[in-house]
Protein backbone atom coordinates (compact mmCIF):
# COMPACT_ATOMS: atom_id res chain seq x y z
CA MET A 1 53.74 62.54 52.57
CA ILE A 2 51.52 63.33 55.52
CA VAL A 3 49.03 61.14 57.38
CA GLU A 4 45.66 62.47 58.49
CA TYR A 5 43.78 60.72 61.28
CA ILE A 6 40.10 61.42 61.91
CA ARG A 7 38.59 59.81 65.00
CA TYR A 8 34.82 59.39 65.16
CA ARG A 9 32.44 58.30 67.89
CA ILE A 10 29.41 56.80 66.17
CA ASP A 11 26.34 55.41 67.94
CA ARG A 12 26.06 51.69 67.31
CA GLN A 13 22.66 52.00 65.65
CA ASP A 14 24.27 54.36 63.09
CA ALA A 15 27.36 52.27 62.39
CA GLU A 16 26.04 50.44 59.33
CA GLU A 17 24.99 53.63 57.55
CA PHE A 18 28.20 55.40 58.62
CA GLU A 19 30.32 52.71 56.98
CA ALA A 20 28.08 52.76 53.91
CA ALA A 21 28.45 56.55 53.69
CA TYR A 22 32.22 56.25 53.75
CA GLY A 23 32.02 53.49 51.17
CA ARG A 24 30.41 56.06 48.88
CA ALA A 25 32.68 58.92 49.96
CA VAL A 26 35.89 57.13 49.06
CA VAL A 27 34.86 56.90 45.41
CA PRO A 28 35.77 60.56 44.72
CA LEU A 29 38.54 60.39 47.34
CA ALA A 30 40.28 57.53 45.53
CA THR A 31 40.41 59.52 42.28
CA ALA A 32 42.02 62.57 43.92
CA PRO A 33 45.68 62.94 42.88
CA GLN A 34 46.50 64.25 46.36
CA CYS A 35 45.37 60.99 48.03
CA VAL A 36 47.93 58.20 48.43
CA ASP A 37 45.78 55.69 50.31
CA TYR A 38 43.06 55.45 52.96
CA GLU A 39 41.60 53.06 55.52
CA LEU A 40 38.63 53.12 57.90
CA SER A 41 39.08 51.02 61.05
CA ARG A 42 36.65 50.19 63.86
CA CYS A 43 37.63 49.61 67.47
CA VAL A 44 37.15 46.03 68.67
CA GLU A 45 36.90 46.79 72.39
CA GLU A 46 34.67 49.87 71.98
CA PRO A 47 32.88 49.50 68.62
CA GLU A 48 31.50 53.04 68.66
CA TRP A 49 35.00 54.36 67.93
CA TYR A 50 36.24 54.62 64.35
CA VAL A 51 39.54 55.93 62.96
CA LEU A 52 39.89 57.06 59.37
CA ARG A 53 43.47 57.18 58.08
CA ILE A 54 44.25 59.06 54.88
CA THR A 55 47.76 59.47 53.50
CA TRP A 56 48.14 62.68 51.51
CA THR A 57 50.98 63.81 49.29
CA SER A 58 51.31 66.80 51.65
CA ALA A 59 49.22 68.74 54.15
CA GLU A 60 48.97 71.62 51.69
CA ASP A 61 47.82 69.28 48.94
CA HIS A 62 45.08 68.07 51.24
CA VAL A 63 43.93 71.44 52.60
CA ARG A 64 44.26 73.48 49.42
CA GLY A 65 44.33 70.88 46.68
CA PHE A 66 41.68 68.37 47.70
CA ARG A 67 39.42 70.61 49.80
CA GLY A 68 39.60 73.29 47.14
CA GLY A 69 39.11 70.87 44.27
CA GLU A 70 36.15 69.50 42.39
CA ARG A 71 36.05 66.12 44.20
CA PHE A 72 35.65 67.49 47.71
CA GLY A 73 31.96 68.36 47.29
CA ALA A 74 30.96 64.79 46.45
CA PHE A 75 33.16 63.44 49.26
CA PHE A 76 31.84 65.85 51.89
CA ALA A 77 28.20 65.36 50.91
CA GLU A 78 28.42 61.74 52.04
CA ILE A 79 30.16 62.28 55.37
CA GLU A 80 28.61 65.64 56.36
CA PRO A 81 25.96 64.03 58.65
CA TYR A 82 28.80 62.68 60.81
CA VAL A 83 31.01 65.76 61.12
CA GLN A 84 29.67 66.53 64.58
CA GLN A 85 30.83 63.08 65.72
CA ILE A 86 34.48 63.88 64.98
CA GLU A 87 36.59 63.75 68.16
CA GLU A 88 39.98 64.38 66.54
CA MET A 89 41.18 65.48 63.10
CA ARG A 90 44.91 66.08 62.72
CA HIS A 91 47.85 65.65 60.36
CA TYR A 92 50.81 63.54 61.47
CA GLU A 93 54.32 63.25 60.06
CA ARG A 94 55.96 59.85 59.89
CA THR A 95 59.10 59.37 61.96
CA ALA A 96 62.14 57.18 61.35
CA VAL A 97 60.63 54.49 63.57
CA GLY A 98 58.89 51.86 61.47
CA GLY A 99 59.20 48.43 60.00
CA THR A 100 57.47 45.13 59.42
CA GLY A 101 56.81 42.20 61.69
CA SER A 102 57.35 38.53 61.09
CA SER A 103 53.82 37.30 60.47
CA THR A 104 54.72 37.07 56.78
CA PRO A 105 58.17 35.67 55.91
CA SER A 106 60.59 37.87 54.02
CA LEU A 107 61.30 37.09 50.38
CA TYR A 108 64.74 35.98 51.57
CA ASP A 109 63.26 33.39 53.93
CA TRP A 110 60.61 32.30 51.43
CA ALA A 111 63.30 31.72 48.79
CA GLY A 112 65.33 29.51 51.12
CA GLY A 113 67.89 31.91 52.58
CA THR A 114 71.52 32.46 51.64
CA GLU A 115 72.03 28.94 50.31
CA ALA A 116 69.23 29.41 47.78
CA PHE A 117 70.66 32.66 46.45
CA GLU A 118 74.17 31.20 46.23
CA ARG A 119 72.77 28.25 44.32
CA LEU A 120 70.99 30.68 42.02
CA THR A 121 74.02 32.83 41.22
CA GLU A 122 76.42 29.91 40.79
CA THR A 123 74.08 28.35 38.21
CA PHE A 124 73.38 31.70 36.61
CA TYR A 125 77.01 32.72 36.05
CA VAL A 126 77.86 29.36 34.51
CA GLN A 127 75.37 30.23 31.79
CA VAL A 128 76.49 33.87 31.62
CA LEU A 129 80.07 32.88 30.79
CA LYS A 130 78.82 30.70 27.93
CA ASP A 131 76.63 33.45 26.45
CA ASP A 132 77.89 35.27 23.38
CA LEU A 133 76.04 38.50 24.19
CA ILE A 134 76.85 39.11 27.84
CA GLY A 135 79.69 36.64 28.39
CA PRO A 136 82.31 39.20 27.27
CA LEU A 137 81.19 41.59 30.02
CA PHE A 138 82.24 38.97 32.57
CA ALA A 139 85.32 37.56 30.85
CA HIS A 140 87.58 38.65 33.73
CA MET A 141 85.08 37.98 36.51
CA ASP A 142 86.41 37.52 40.03
CA PRO A 143 85.80 33.89 41.07
CA GLY A 144 83.99 35.23 44.13
CA HIS A 145 81.59 37.33 42.06
CA PRO A 146 78.65 34.87 42.13
CA LYS A 147 78.74 34.78 45.95
CA HIS A 148 78.97 38.55 46.12
CA VAL A 149 75.88 38.91 43.92
CA ALA A 150 74.13 36.34 46.12
CA MET A 151 74.99 38.52 49.14
CA TRP A 152 73.47 41.53 47.39
CA LEU A 153 70.28 39.72 46.44
CA ALA A 154 69.96 38.23 49.92
CA GLU A 155 70.16 41.69 51.50
CA VAL A 156 67.75 43.21 48.98
CA PHE A 157 65.14 40.54 49.68
CA GLY A 158 65.26 40.92 53.46
CA GLY A 159 68.26 38.86 54.52
CA PRO A 160 71.35 39.87 56.53
CA SER A 161 73.16 43.08 55.60
CA ARG A 162 76.38 41.33 54.64
CA TYR A 163 76.80 43.18 51.35
CA THR A 164 76.65 46.49 53.19
CA ASP A 165 78.87 45.31 56.04
CA GLU A 166 81.46 43.39 54.03
CA ARG A 167 81.37 44.83 50.51
CA GLY A 168 80.56 48.52 50.89
CA GLY A 169 76.86 48.47 50.07
CA TYR A 170 75.24 50.53 47.33
CA HIS A 171 78.37 52.56 46.53
CA HIS A 172 80.36 49.41 45.80
CA MET A 173 77.63 47.95 43.58
CA LEU A 174 77.27 51.25 41.71
CA ALA A 175 81.01 51.34 41.00
CA ARG A 176 80.75 47.94 39.30
CA HIS A 177 78.44 49.42 36.63
CA LEU A 178 79.79 52.91 35.97
CA GLY A 179 81.12 53.33 32.45
CA LYS A 180 80.17 49.82 31.29
CA ALA A 181 77.78 51.12 28.59
CA ILE A 182 75.45 48.16 28.96
CA THR A 183 73.07 47.78 26.02
CA GLU A 184 69.38 47.03 26.29
CA PRO A 185 69.79 43.60 24.62
CA GLN A 186 72.48 42.77 27.19
CA ARG A 187 70.26 43.86 30.05
CA ARG A 188 67.39 41.77 28.73
CA ARG A 189 69.61 38.71 28.27
CA TRP A 190 70.85 39.08 31.86
CA VAL A 191 67.25 39.07 33.08
CA ASP A 192 66.27 36.10 30.93
CA LEU A 193 69.22 33.98 32.05
CA LEU A 194 68.57 34.78 35.71
CA MET A 195 64.93 33.80 35.39
CA ASP A 196 65.98 30.56 33.70
CA ALA A 197 68.42 29.91 36.55
CA ALA A 198 65.64 30.56 39.10
CA ASP A 199 63.64 27.78 37.45
CA GLU A 200 66.63 25.48 37.24
CA VAL A 201 67.57 25.75 40.92
CA GLY A 202 63.96 25.55 42.10
CA LEU A 203 63.31 28.97 43.59
CA PRO A 204 59.67 29.18 44.73
CA ALA A 205 57.35 29.28 41.74
CA ASP A 206 54.25 30.75 43.39
CA PRO A 207 53.00 33.83 41.51
CA GLU A 208 53.44 36.20 44.45
CA PHE A 209 57.11 35.37 44.99
CA ARG A 210 57.98 35.36 41.32
CA ALA A 211 56.17 38.66 40.73
CA ALA A 212 58.09 40.33 43.57
CA PHE A 213 61.37 38.73 42.47
CA ALA A 214 60.89 39.77 38.84
CA SER A 215 59.88 43.32 39.79
CA TYR A 216 63.18 43.88 41.60
CA ILE A 217 65.22 42.29 38.80
CA GLU A 218 63.53 44.56 36.25
CA TRP A 219 63.97 47.63 38.45
CA GLY A 220 67.56 46.81 39.38
CA THR A 221 68.75 46.00 35.87
CA ARG A 222 67.09 49.07 34.38
CA LEU A 223 68.82 51.20 37.01
CA ALA A 224 72.15 49.49 36.31
CA PHE A 225 71.62 50.05 32.57
CA ALA A 226 71.01 53.78 33.12
CA ASN A 227 73.93 54.15 35.53
CA SER A 228 76.30 52.44 33.09
CA GLN A 229 75.77 54.89 30.25
CA PRO A 230 78.44 57.45 29.28
CA GLY A 231 77.95 60.68 31.19
CA ALA A 232 75.61 59.15 33.79
CA ARG A 233 75.84 60.84 37.18
CA PRO A 234 73.84 58.74 39.63
CA PRO A 235 73.90 59.49 43.36
CA ARG A 236 76.99 57.95 44.91
CA GLN A 237 75.48 57.19 48.30
CA ALA A 238 72.22 55.38 49.01
CA PRO A 239 71.05 52.43 51.09
CA VAL A 240 70.78 48.97 49.59
CA PRO A 241 67.13 48.70 48.46
CA ARG A 242 64.87 46.42 50.46
CA TRP A 243 62.24 44.57 48.45
CA GLY A 244 58.98 43.19 49.83
CA TRP A 245 56.01 41.23 48.61
CA GLY A 246 54.73 44.12 46.49
CA VAL A 247 51.21 45.18 45.68
CA ALA A 248 49.62 41.92 44.63
CA PRO A 249 46.16 41.16 46.07
CA PRO A 250 46.27 40.55 49.86
CA TYR A 251 48.24 37.36 50.31
CA THR A 252 49.73 35.27 53.06
CA PRO A 253 52.22 32.75 51.65
CA SER A 254 51.26 29.18 52.46
CA SER A 255 53.66 26.33 52.93
């Protein structure tokens, strides 16, 4: 992906119509397959300055795909009166430097930290061992397995990297699933029992947390299912995934 920044200097008396014009322009922009996302920001200290940020699938997709496509005409017609006010228009590549701040707690913190995930997996595996469908998969389970899974979940949801540091990270987790030939009913039962355990141990029940939690569990178990099939050749090295709050409507968790 590539990020385009366009910096405008707009007279204050024209600001309202400028923003309205972009409100109309983003209608065709948003339907363009080359556009990932966009945002128009206004400077607080010097309100005549605006910055438009558009993330494109690539610079070529922007220049040749979007500008050469059927949506560009409608987009440009709205913003053409302001082209002369452009001070900068460039593409930027993202670097390895990036991250999130702490204004919103991680899913790990919101859940209650390591203790919450250990409580979850201990309760969960008690039920797993009793289950006729997936119990046999864990008949010879290491007594430490529940805590190891808690370490994995804690790291995935933004906690300390103990699974990577102490257990070998993604490669170790992958090895636990290779050749297991997990069935779809077994995968679904695993999910159902974990969700039941989340209720039983009192993990946060707000929709935003549960949606993010469930999205990882679905993603992770479907990946494990695929990797466990005969002949599967998944990549052997990858980072432990890090899961955030997702794409629910803008939300700041409240206590």
